[in-house]
Amino acid sequence: PVISQPNVGILGLGAIEKRPVVVDDAIAIRSMCYVTLS
């Protein structure tokens, strides 16, 4: 996202979706979300 002036930061939230990830050296299905900071 583009920063909303006069702020110096904006947090962008992605979709929350279940994905296979590695947890304690094992594959698990977790609800994951990407976040971005501009």
PDB file of all heavy atoms in Angstrom:
ATOM      1  N   PRO A   1       0.810  -1.227   0.000  1.00  0.00           N
ATOM      2  CA  PRO A   1       0.000   0.000   0.000  1.00  0.00           C
ATOM      3  C   PRO A   1       0.838   1.270   0.000  1.00  0.00           C
ATOM      4  O   PRO A   1       2.010   1.273   0.382  1.00  0.00           O
ATOM      5  CB  PRO A   1      -0.803  -0.127   1.295  1.00  0.00           C
ATOM      6  CG  PRO A   1       0.017  -1.007   2.177  1.00  0.00           C
ATOM      7  CD  PRO A   1       0.718  -1.964   1.273  1.00  0.00           C
ATOM      8  N   VAL A   2       0.199   2.361  -0.443  1.00  0.00           N
ATOM      9  CA  VAL A   2       0.810   3.690  -0.422  1.00  0.00           C
ATOM     10  C   VAL A   2       0.552   4.313   0.944  1.00  0.00           C
ATOM     11  O   VAL A   2      -0.545   4.206   1.498  1.00  0.00           O
ATOM     12  CB  VAL A   2       0.226   4.577  -1.540  1.00  0.00           C
ATOM     13  CG1 VAL A   2       0.831   5.973  -1.499  1.00  0.00           C
ATOM     14  CG2 VAL A   2       0.468   3.936  -2.903  1.00  0.00           C
ATOM     15  N   ILE A   3       1.571   4.963   1.490  1.00  0.00           N
ATOM     16  CA  ILE A   3       1.469   5.586   2.816  1.00  0.00           C
ATOM     17  C   ILE A   3       0.417   6.691   2.800  1.00  0.00           C
ATOM     18  O   ILE A   3       0.347   7.490   1.866  1.00  0.00           O
ATOM     19  CB  ILE A   3       2.830   6.165   3.239  1.00  0.00           C
ATOM     20  CG1 ILE A   3       3.862   5.035   3.366  1.00  0.00           C
ATOM     21  CG2 ILE A   3       2.725   6.932   4.549  1.00  0.00           C
ATOM     22  CD1 ILE A   3       5.292   5.525   3.494  1.00  0.00           C
ATOM     23  N   SER A   4      -0.405   6.720   3.837  1.00  0.00           N
ATOM     24  CA  SER A   4      -1.404   7.776   3.992  1.00  0.00           C
ATOM     25  C   SER A   4      -0.753   8.941   4.732  1.00  0.00           C
ATOM     26  O   SER A   4      -0.451   8.842   5.914  1.00  0.00           O
ATOM     27  CB  SER A   4      -2.616   7.250   4.779  1.00  0.00           C
ATOM     28  OG  SER A   4      -3.577   8.261   4.987  1.00  0.00           O
ATOM     29  N   GLN A   5      -0.512  10.022   4.030  1.00  0.00           N
ATOM     30  CA  GLN A   5       0.166  11.176   4.623  1.00  0.00           C
ATOM     31  C   GLN A   5      -0.699  11.817   5.713  1.00  0.00           C
ATOM     32  O   GLN A   5      -1.914  11.827   5.606  1.00  0.00           O
ATOM     33  CB  GLN A   5       0.485  12.207   3.538  1.00  0.00           C
ATOM     34  CG  GLN A   5       1.430  11.702   2.480  1.00  0.00           C
ATOM     35  CD  GLN A   5       2.810  11.392   3.018  1.00  0.00           C
ATOM     36  OE1 GLN A   5       3.314  12.067   3.913  1.00  0.00           O
ATOM     37  NE2 GLN A   5       3.426  10.351   2.485  1.00  0.00           N
ATOM     38  N   PRO A   6      -0.093  12.333   6.795  1.00  0.00           N
ATOM     39  CA  PRO A   6       1.353  12.491   7.015  1.00  0.00           C
ATOM     40  C   PRO A   6       1.970  11.342   7.812  1.00  0.00           C
ATOM     41  O   PRO A   6       2.981  11.538   8.481  1.00  0.00           O
ATOM     42  CB  PRO A   6       1.402  13.792   7.809  1.00  0.00           C
ATOM     43  CG  PRO A   6       0.162  13.736   8.658  1.00  0.00           C
ATOM     44  CD  PRO A   6      -0.887  13.071   7.816  1.00  0.00           C
ATOM     45  N   ASN A   7       1.355  10.145   7.796  1.00  0.00           N
ATOM     46  CA  ASN A   7       1.930   8.999   8.495  1.00  0.00           C
ATOM     47  C   ASN A   7       3.260   8.608   7.863  1.00  0.00           C
ATOM     48  O   ASN A   7       3.579   9.017   6.744  1.00  0.00           O
ATOM     49  CB  ASN A   7       0.987   7.806   8.450  1.00  0.00           C
ATOM     50  CG  ASN A   7      -0.370   8.053   9.096  1.00  0.00           C
ATOM     51  OD1 ASN A   7      -1.285   7.267   8.924  1.00  0.00           O
ATOM     52  ND2 ASN A   7      -0.526   9.149   9.815  1.00  0.00           N
ATOM     53  N   VAL A   8       4.027   7.788   8.574  1.00  0.00           N
ATOM     54  CA  VAL A   8       5.280   7.264   8.017  1.00  0.00           C
ATOM     55  C   VAL A   8       5.198   5.757   7.818  1.00  0.00           C
ATOM     56  O   VAL A   8       6.196   5.137   7.430  1.00  0.00           O
ATOM     57  CB  VAL A   8       6.478   7.609   8.929  1.00  0.00           C
ATOM     58  CG1 VAL A   8       6.665   9.112   9.005  1.00  0.00           C
ATOM     59  CG2 VAL A   8       6.327   7.004  10.317  1.00  0.00           C
ATOM     60  N   GLY A   9       4.016   5.160   8.061  1.00  0.00           N
ATOM     61  CA  GLY A   9       3.882   3.722   7.861  1.00  0.00           C
ATOM     62  C   GLY A   9       2.441   3.306   7.670  1.00  0.00           C
ATOM     63  O   GLY A   9       1.514   3.963   8.148  1.00  0.00           O
ATOM     64  N   ILE A  10       2.241   2.202   6.949  1.00  0.00           N
ATOM     65  CA  ILE A  10       0.922   1.600   6.774  1.00  0.00           C
ATOM     66  C   ILE A  10       1.093   0.086   6.700  1.00  0.00           C
ATOM     67  O   ILE A  10       1.993  -0.419   6.025  1.00  0.00           O
ATOM     68  CB  ILE A  10       0.207   2.144   5.520  1.00  0.00           C
ATOM     69  CG1 ILE A  10      -1.176   1.492   5.360  1.00  0.00           C
ATOM     70  CG2 ILE A  10       1.035   1.983   4.265  1.00  0.00           C
ATOM     71  CD1 ILE A  10      -2.029   2.146   4.278  1.00  0.00           C
ATOM     72  N   LEU A  11       0.249  -0.631   7.423  1.00  0.00           N
ATOM     73  CA  LEU A  11       0.302  -2.091   7.494  1.00  0.00           C
ATOM     74  C   LEU A  11      -0.718  -2.671   6.525  1.00  0.00           C
ATOM     75  O   LEU A  11      -1.890  -2.282   6.544  1.00  0.00           O
ATOM     76  CB  LEU A  11       0.007  -2.555   8.915  1.00  0.00           C
ATOM     77  CG  LEU A  11       0.182  -4.044   9.230  1.00  0.00           C
ATOM     78  CD1 LEU A  11       1.657  -4.431   9.167  1.00  0.00           C
ATOM     79  CD2 LEU A  11      -0.394  -4.361  10.614  1.00  0.00           C
ATOM     80  N   GLY A  12      -0.284  -3.578   5.662  1.00  0.00           N
ATOM     81  CA  GLY A  12      -1.172  -4.246   4.713  1.00  0.00           C
ATOM     82  C   GLY A  12      -1.383  -5.698   5.124  1.00  0.00           C
ATOM     83  O   GLY A  12      -0.425  -6.407   5.426  1.00  0.00           O
ATOM     84  N   LEU A  13      -2.643  -6.145   5.146  1.00  0.00           N
ATOM     85  CA  LEU A  13      -2.989  -7.495   5.579  1.00  0.00           C
ATOM     86  C   LEU A  13      -3.410  -8.352   4.389  1.00  0.00           C
ATOM     87  O   LEU A  13      -4.271  -7.941   3.598  1.00  0.00           O
ATOM     88  CB  LEU A  13      -4.132  -7.436   6.600  1.00  0.00           C
ATOM     89  CG  LEU A  13      -3.980  -6.439   7.750  1.00  0.00           C
ATOM     90  CD1 LEU A  13      -5.216  -6.470   8.635  1.00  0.00           C
ATOM     91  CD2 LEU A  13      -2.718  -6.726   8.556  1.00  0.00           C
ATOM     92  N   GLY A  14      -2.834  -9.528   4.290  1.00  0.00           N
ATOM     93  CA  GLY A  14      -3.222 -10.462   3.239  1.00  0.00           C
ATOM     94  C   GLY A  14      -4.315 -11.406   3.710  1.00  0.00           C
ATOM     95  O   GLY A  14      -4.762 -11.356   4.859  1.00  0.00           O
ATOM     96  N   ALA A  15      -4.740 -12.269   2.810  1.00  0.00           N
ATOM     97  CA  ALA A  15      -5.788 -13.237   3.140  1.00  0.00           C
ATOM     98  C   ALA A  15      -5.271 -14.262   4.151  1.00  0.00           C
ATOM     99  O   ALA A  15      -4.103 -14.671   4.108  1.00  0.00           O
ATOM    100  CB  ALA A  15      -6.260 -13.943   1.878  1.00  0.00           C
ATOM    101  N   ILE A  16      -6.141 -14.664   5.066  1.00  0.00           N
ATOM    102  CA  ILE A  16      -5.816 -15.735   6.017  1.00  0.00           C
ATOM    103  C   ILE A  16      -6.284 -17.043   5.396  1.00  0.00           C
ATOM    104  O   ILE A  16      -7.476 -17.232   5.148  1.00  0.00           O
ATOM    105  CB  ILE A  16      -6.511 -15.505   7.368  1.00  0.00           C
ATOM    106  CG1 ILE A  16      -6.035 -14.182   7.984  1.00  0.00           C
ATOM    107  CG2 ILE A  16      -6.238 -16.663   8.326  1.00  0.00           C
ATOM    108  CD1 ILE A  16      -6.785 -13.788   9.238  1.00  0.00           C
ATOM    109  N   GLU A  17      -5.347 -17.916   5.111  1.00  0.00           N
ATOM    110  CA  GLU A  17      -5.705 -19.180   4.457  1.00  0.00           C
ATOM    111  C   GLU A  17      -4.836 -20.306   5.008  1.00  0.00           C
ATOM    112  O   GLU A  17      -3.698 -20.088   5.445  1.00  0.00           O
ATOM    113  CB  GLU A  17      -5.547 -19.069   2.944  1.00  0.00           C
ATOM    114  CG  GLU A  17      -4.175 -18.648   2.481  1.00  0.00           C
ATOM    115  CD  GLU A  17      -4.073 -18.495   0.983  1.00  0.00           C
ATOM    116  OE1 GLU A  17      -5.119 -18.344   0.311  1.00  0.00           O
ATOM    117  OE2 GLU A  17      -2.937 -18.530   0.466  1.00  0.00           O
ATOM    118  N   LYS A  18      -5.389 -21.504   4.981  1.00  0.00           N
ATOM    119  CA  LYS A  18      -4.661 -22.667   5.495  1.00  0.00           C
ATOM    120  C   LYS A  18      -3.636 -23.141   4.470  1.00  0.00           C
ATOM    121  O   LYS A  18      -3.940 -23.299   3.295  1.00  0.00           O
ATOM    122  CB  LYS A  18      -5.640 -23.790   5.828  1.00  0.00           C
ATOM    123  CG  LYS A  18      -6.517 -23.481   7.034  1.00  0.00           C
ATOM    124  CD  LYS A  18      -7.380 -24.659   7.430  1.00  0.00           C
ATOM    125  CE  LYS A  18      -8.182 -24.340   8.700  1.00  0.00           C
ATOM    126  NZ  LYS A  18      -9.012 -25.487   9.131  1.00  0.00           N
ATOM    127  N   ARG A  19      -2.390 -23.346   4.983  1.00  0.00           N
ATOM    128  CA  ARG A  19      -1.302 -23.796   4.127  1.00  0.00           C
ATOM    129  C   ARG A  19      -0.442 -24.804   4.890  1.00  0.00           C
ATOM    130  O   ARG A  19      -0.353 -24.737   6.129  1.00  0.00           O
ATOM    131  CB  ARG A  19      -0.413 -22.618   3.697  1.00  0.00           C
ATOM    132  CG  ARG A  19      -1.087 -21.642   2.778  1.00  0.00           C
ATOM    133  CD  ARG A  19      -0.072 -20.751   2.073  1.00  0.00           C
ATOM    134  NE  ARG A  19       0.631 -19.855   2.986  1.00  0.00           N
ATOM    135  CZ  ARG A  19       0.230 -18.635   3.286  1.00  0.00           C
ATOM    136  NH1 ARG A  19      -0.891 -18.176   2.771  1.00  0.00           N
ATOM    137  NH2 ARG A  19       0.925 -17.880   4.107  1.00  0.00           N
ATOM    138  N   PRO A  20       0.218 -25.711   4.187  1.00  0.00           N
ATOM    139  CA  PRO A  20       1.159 -26.618   4.861  1.00  0.00           C
ATOM    140  C   PRO A  20       2.446 -25.878   5.198  1.00  0.00           C
ATOM    141  O   PRO A  20       3.035 -25.210   4.345  1.00  0.00           O
ATOM    142  CB  PRO A  20       1.408 -27.717   3.817  1.00  0.00           C
ATOM    143  CG  PRO A  20       1.115 -27.068   2.503  1.00  0.00           C
ATOM    144  CD  PRO A  20       0.060 -26.044   2.755  1.00  0.00           C
ATOM    145  N   VAL A  21       2.842 -25.929   6.457  1.00  0.00           N
ATOM    146  CA  VAL A  21       4.080 -25.291   6.898  1.00  0.00           C
ATOM    147  C   VAL A  21       4.845 -26.278   7.785  1.00  0.00           C
ATOM    148  O   VAL A  21       4.284 -27.268   8.279  1.00  0.00           O
ATOM    149  CB  VAL A  21       3.803 -23.993   7.696  1.00  0.00           C
ATOM    150  CG1 VAL A  21       3.138 -22.963   6.799  1.00  0.00           C
ATOM    151  CG2 VAL A  21       2.951 -24.269   8.916  1.00  0.00           C
ATOM    152  N   VAL A  22       6.111 -25.970   7.987  1.00  0.00           N
ATOM    153  CA  VAL A  22       6.948 -26.823   8.839  1.00  0.00           C
ATOM    154  C   VAL A  22       6.895 -26.291  10.269  1.00  0.00           C
ATOM    155  O   VAL A  22       7.240 -25.140  10.530  1.00  0.00           O
ATOM    156  CB  VAL A  22       8.394 -26.859   8.330  1.00  0.00           C
ATOM    157  CG1 VAL A  22       9.270 -27.663   9.285  1.00  0.00           C
ATOM    158  CG2 VAL A  22       8.448 -27.431   6.924  1.00  0.00           C
ATOM    159  N   VAL A  23       6.450 -27.145  11.192  1.00  0.00           N
ATOM    160  CA  VAL A  23       6.376 -26.805  12.611  1.00  0.00           C
ATOM    161  C   VAL A  23       7.090 -27.906  13.386  1.00  0.00           C
ATOM    162  O   VAL A  23       6.686 -29.077  13.331  1.00  0.00           O
ATOM    163  CB  VAL A  23       4.917 -26.688  13.096  1.00  0.00           C
ATOM    164  CG1 VAL A  23       4.882 -26.362  14.583  1.00  0.00           C
ATOM    165  CG2 VAL A  23       4.173 -25.627  12.293  1.00  0.00           C
ATOM    166  N   ASP A  24       8.167 -27.532  14.090  1.00  0.00           N
ATOM    167  CA  ASP A  24       8.957 -28.509  14.859  1.00  0.00           C
ATOM    168  C   ASP A  24       9.376 -29.682  13.981  1.00  0.00           C
ATOM    169  O   ASP A  24       9.194 -30.860  14.323  1.00  0.00           O
ATOM    170  CB  ASP A  24       8.159 -28.995  16.070  1.00  0.00           C
ATOM    171  CG  ASP A  24       7.874 -27.891  17.061  1.00  0.00           C
ATOM    172  OD1 ASP A  24       8.691 -26.956  17.150  1.00  0.00           O
ATOM    173  OD2 ASP A  24       6.821 -27.949  17.742  1.00  0.00           O
ATOM    174  N   ASP A  25       9.911 -29.366  12.802  1.00  0.00           N
ATOM    175  CA  ASP A  25      10.424 -30.358  11.852  1.00  0.00           C
ATOM    176  C   ASP A  25       9.348 -31.316  11.343  1.00  0.00           C
ATOM    177  O   ASP A  25       9.653 -32.432  10.891  1.00  0.00           O
ATOM    178  CB  ASP A  25      11.570 -31.173  12.471  1.00  0.00           C
ATOM    179  CG  ASP A  25      12.811 -30.314  12.697  1.00  0.00           C
ATOM    180  OD1 ASP A  25      12.980 -29.325  11.954  1.00  0.00           O
ATOM    181  OD2 ASP A  25      13.585 -30.624  13.617  1.00  0.00           O
ATOM    182  N   ALA A  26       8.097 -30.889  11.412  1.00  0.00           N
ATOM    183  CA  ALA A  26       7.002 -31.694  10.869  1.00  0.00           C
ATOM    184  C   ALA A  26       6.093 -30.798  10.046  1.00  0.00           C
ATOM    185  O   ALA A  26       5.978 -29.595  10.307  1.00  0.00           O
ATOM    186  CB  ALA A  26       6.208 -32.357  11.995  1.00  0.00           C
ATOM    187  N   ILE A  27       5.466 -31.373   9.042  1.00  0.00           N
ATOM    188  CA  ILE A  27       4.547 -30.607   8.198  1.00  0.00           C
ATOM    189  C   ILE A  27       3.184 -30.542   8.873  1.00  0.00           C
ATOM    190  O   ILE A  27       2.627 -31.567   9.278  1.00  0.00           O
ATOM    191  CB  ILE A  27       4.422 -31.231   6.796  1.00  0.00           C
ATOM    192  CG1 ILE A  27       5.782 -31.195   6.079  1.00  0.00           C
ATOM    193  CG2 ILE A  27       3.370 -30.497   5.970  1.00  0.00           C
ATOM    194  CD1 ILE A  27       5.791 -31.867   4.727  1.00  0.00           C
ATOM    195  N   ALA A  28       2.661 -29.317   9.005  1.00  0.00           N
ATOM    196  CA  ALA A  28       1.362 -29.126   9.656  1.00  0.00           C
ATOM    197  C   ALA A  28       0.529 -28.156   8.826  1.00  0.00           C
ATOM    198  O   ALA A  28       1.066 -27.357   8.055  1.00  0.00           O
ATOM    199  CB  ALA A  28       1.559 -28.573  11.070  1.00  0.00           C
ATOM    200  N   ILE A  29      -0.777 -28.256   8.976  1.00  0.00           N
ATOM    201  CA  ILE A  29      -1.699 -27.333   8.310  1.00  0.00           C
ATOM    202  C   ILE A  29      -2.002 -26.195   9.282  1.00  0.00           C
ATOM    203  O   ILE A  29      -2.544 -26.414  10.364  1.00  0.00           O
ATOM    204  CB  ILE A  29      -3.005 -28.040   7.892  1.00  0.00           C
ATOM    205  CG1 ILE A  29      -2.697 -29.245   7.007  1.00  0.00           C
ATOM    206  CG2 ILE A  29      -3.923 -27.053   7.183  1.00  0.00           C
ATOM    207  CD1 ILE A  29      -1.977 -28.913   5.729  1.00  0.00           C
ATOM    208  N   ARG A  30      -1.643 -24.976   8.867  1.00  0.00           N
ATOM    209  CA  ARG A  30      -1.816 -23.827   9.745  1.00  0.00           C
ATOM    210  C   ARG A  30      -2.534 -22.702   8.991  1.00  0.00           C
ATOM    211  O   ARG A  30      -2.475 -22.616   7.758  1.00  0.00           O
ATOM    212  CB  ARG A  30      -0.461 -23.298  10.233  1.00  0.00           C
ATOM    213  CG  ARG A  30       0.477 -24.352  10.777  1.00  0.00           C
ATOM    214  CD  ARG A  30      -0.006 -24.914  12.098  1.00  0.00           C
ATOM    215  NE  ARG A  30       0.165 -23.976  13.194  1.00  0.00           N
ATOM    216  CZ  ARG A  30      -0.144 -24.255  14.454  1.00  0.00           C
ATOM    217  NH1 ARG A  30      -0.671 -25.448  14.772  1.00  0.00           N
ATOM    218  NH2 ARG A  30       0.047 -23.358  15.405  1.00  0.00           N
ATOM    219  N   SER A  31      -3.204 -21.833   9.723  1.00  0.00           N
ATOM    220  CA  SER A  31      -3.844 -20.644   9.139  1.00  0.00           C
ATOM    221  C   SER A  31      -2.788 -19.544   9.051  1.00  0.00           C
ATOM    222  O   SER A  31      -2.382 -18.984  10.070  1.00  0.00           O
ATOM    223  CB  SER A  31      -5.018 -20.190  10.011  1.00  0.00           C
ATOM    224  OG  SER A  31      -6.027 -21.167  10.041  1.00  0.00           O
ATOM    225  N   MET A  32      -2.364 -19.252   7.830  1.00  0.00           N
ATOM    226  CA  MET A  32      -1.241 -18.345   7.627  1.00  0.00           C
ATOM    227  C   MET A  32      -1.710 -17.042   6.951  1.00  0.00           C
ATOM    228  O   MET A  32      -2.708 -17.017   6.232  1.00  0.00           O
ATOM    229  CB  MET A  32      -0.155 -19.006   6.763  1.00  0.00           C
ATOM    230  CG  MET A  32       0.341 -20.334   7.313  1.00  0.00           C
ATOM    231  SD  MET A  32       1.090 -20.200   8.967  1.00  0.00           S
ATOM    232  CE  MET A  32       2.522 -19.198   8.617  1.00  0.00           C
ATOM    233  N   CYS A  33      -0.933 -15.986   7.194  1.00  0.00           N
ATOM    234  CA  CYS A  33      -1.278 -14.666   6.651  1.00  0.00           C
ATOM    235  C   CYS A  33      -0.001 -13.878   6.377  1.00  0.00           C
ATOM    236  O   CYS A  33       0.878 -13.783   7.248  1.00  0.00           O
ATOM    237  CB  CYS A  33      -2.164 -13.910   7.639  1.00  0.00           C
ATOM    238  SG  CYS A  33      -2.497 -12.191   7.200  1.00  0.00           S
ATOM    239  N   TYR A  34       0.109 -13.342   5.174  1.00  0.00           N
ATOM    240  CA  TYR A  34       1.209 -12.427   4.868  1.00  0.00           C
ATOM    241  C   TYR A  34       0.824 -11.015   5.313  1.00  0.00           C
ATOM    242  O   TYR A  34      -0.319 -10.581   5.105  1.00  0.00           O
ATOM    243  CB  TYR A  34       1.511 -12.406   3.370  1.00  0.00           C
ATOM    244  CG  TYR A  34       2.189 -13.650   2.858  1.00  0.00           C
ATOM    245  CD1 TYR A  34       1.505 -14.553   2.045  1.00  0.00           C
ATOM    246  CD2 TYR A  34       3.517 -13.926   3.183  1.00  0.00           C
ATOM    247  CE1 TYR A  34       2.120 -15.696   1.563  1.00  0.00           C
ATOM    248  CE2 TYR A  34       4.147 -15.072   2.709  1.00  0.00           C
ATOM    249  CZ  TYR A  34       3.446 -15.956   1.900  1.00  0.00           C
ATOM    250  OH  TYR A  34       4.057 -17.084   1.443  1.00  0.00           O
ATOM    251  N   VAL A  35       1.761 -10.298   5.908  1.00  0.00           N
ATOM    252  CA  VAL A  35       1.564  -8.889   6.242  1.00  0.00           C
ATOM    253  C   VAL A  35       2.715  -8.092   5.635  1.00  0.00           C
ATOM    254  O   VAL A  35       3.842  -8.577   5.553  1.00  0.00           O
ATOM    255  CB  VAL A  35       1.499  -8.648   7.766  1.00  0.00           C
ATOM    256  CG1 VAL A  35       0.267  -9.301   8.360  1.00  0.00           C
ATOM    257  CG2 VAL A  35       2.763  -9.127   8.466  1.00  0.00           C
ATOM    258  N   THR A  36       2.401  -6.894   5.175  1.00  0.00           N
ATOM    259  CA  THR A  36       3.421  -6.026   4.599  1.00  0.00           C
ATOM    260  C   THR A  36       3.424  -4.698   5.341  1.00  0.00           C
ATOM    261  O   THR A  36       2.389  -4.249   5.845  1.00  0.00           O
ATOM    262  CB  THR A  36       3.148  -5.761   3.101  1.00  0.00           C
ATOM    263  OG1 THR A  36       1.876  -5.150   2.953  1.00  0.00           O
ATOM    264  CG2 THR A  36       3.184  -7.052   2.314  1.00  0.00           C
ATOM    265  N   LEU A  37       4.572  -4.090   5.394  1.00  0.00           N
ATOM    266  CA  LEU A  37       4.705  -2.759   5.992  1.00  0.00           C
ATOM    267  C   LEU A  37       5.338  -1.840   4.958  1.00  0.00           C
ATOM    268  O   LEU A  37       6.454  -2.083   4.492  1.00  0.00           O
ATOM    269  CB  LEU A  37       5.569  -2.802   7.248  1.00  0.00           C
ATOM    270  CG  LEU A  37       5.787  -1.452   7.944  1.00  0.00           C
ATOM    271  CD1 LEU A  37       4.471  -0.938   8.537  1.00  0.00           C
ATOM    272  CD2 LEU A  37       6.852  -1.563   9.043  1.00  0.00           C
ATOM    273  N   SER A  38       4.595  -0.794   4.560  1.00  0.00           N
ATOM    274  CA  SER A  38       5.152   0.271   3.729  1.00  0.00           C
ATOM    275  C   SER A  38       5.591   1.383   4.668  1.00  0.00           C
ATOM    276  O   SER A  38       4.808   1.807   5.520  1.00  0.00           O
ATOM    277  CB  SER A  38       4.098   0.805   2.758  1.00  0.00           C
ATOM    278  OG  SER A  38       3.542  -0.237   1.989  1.00  0.00           O
TER     279      SER A  38
END
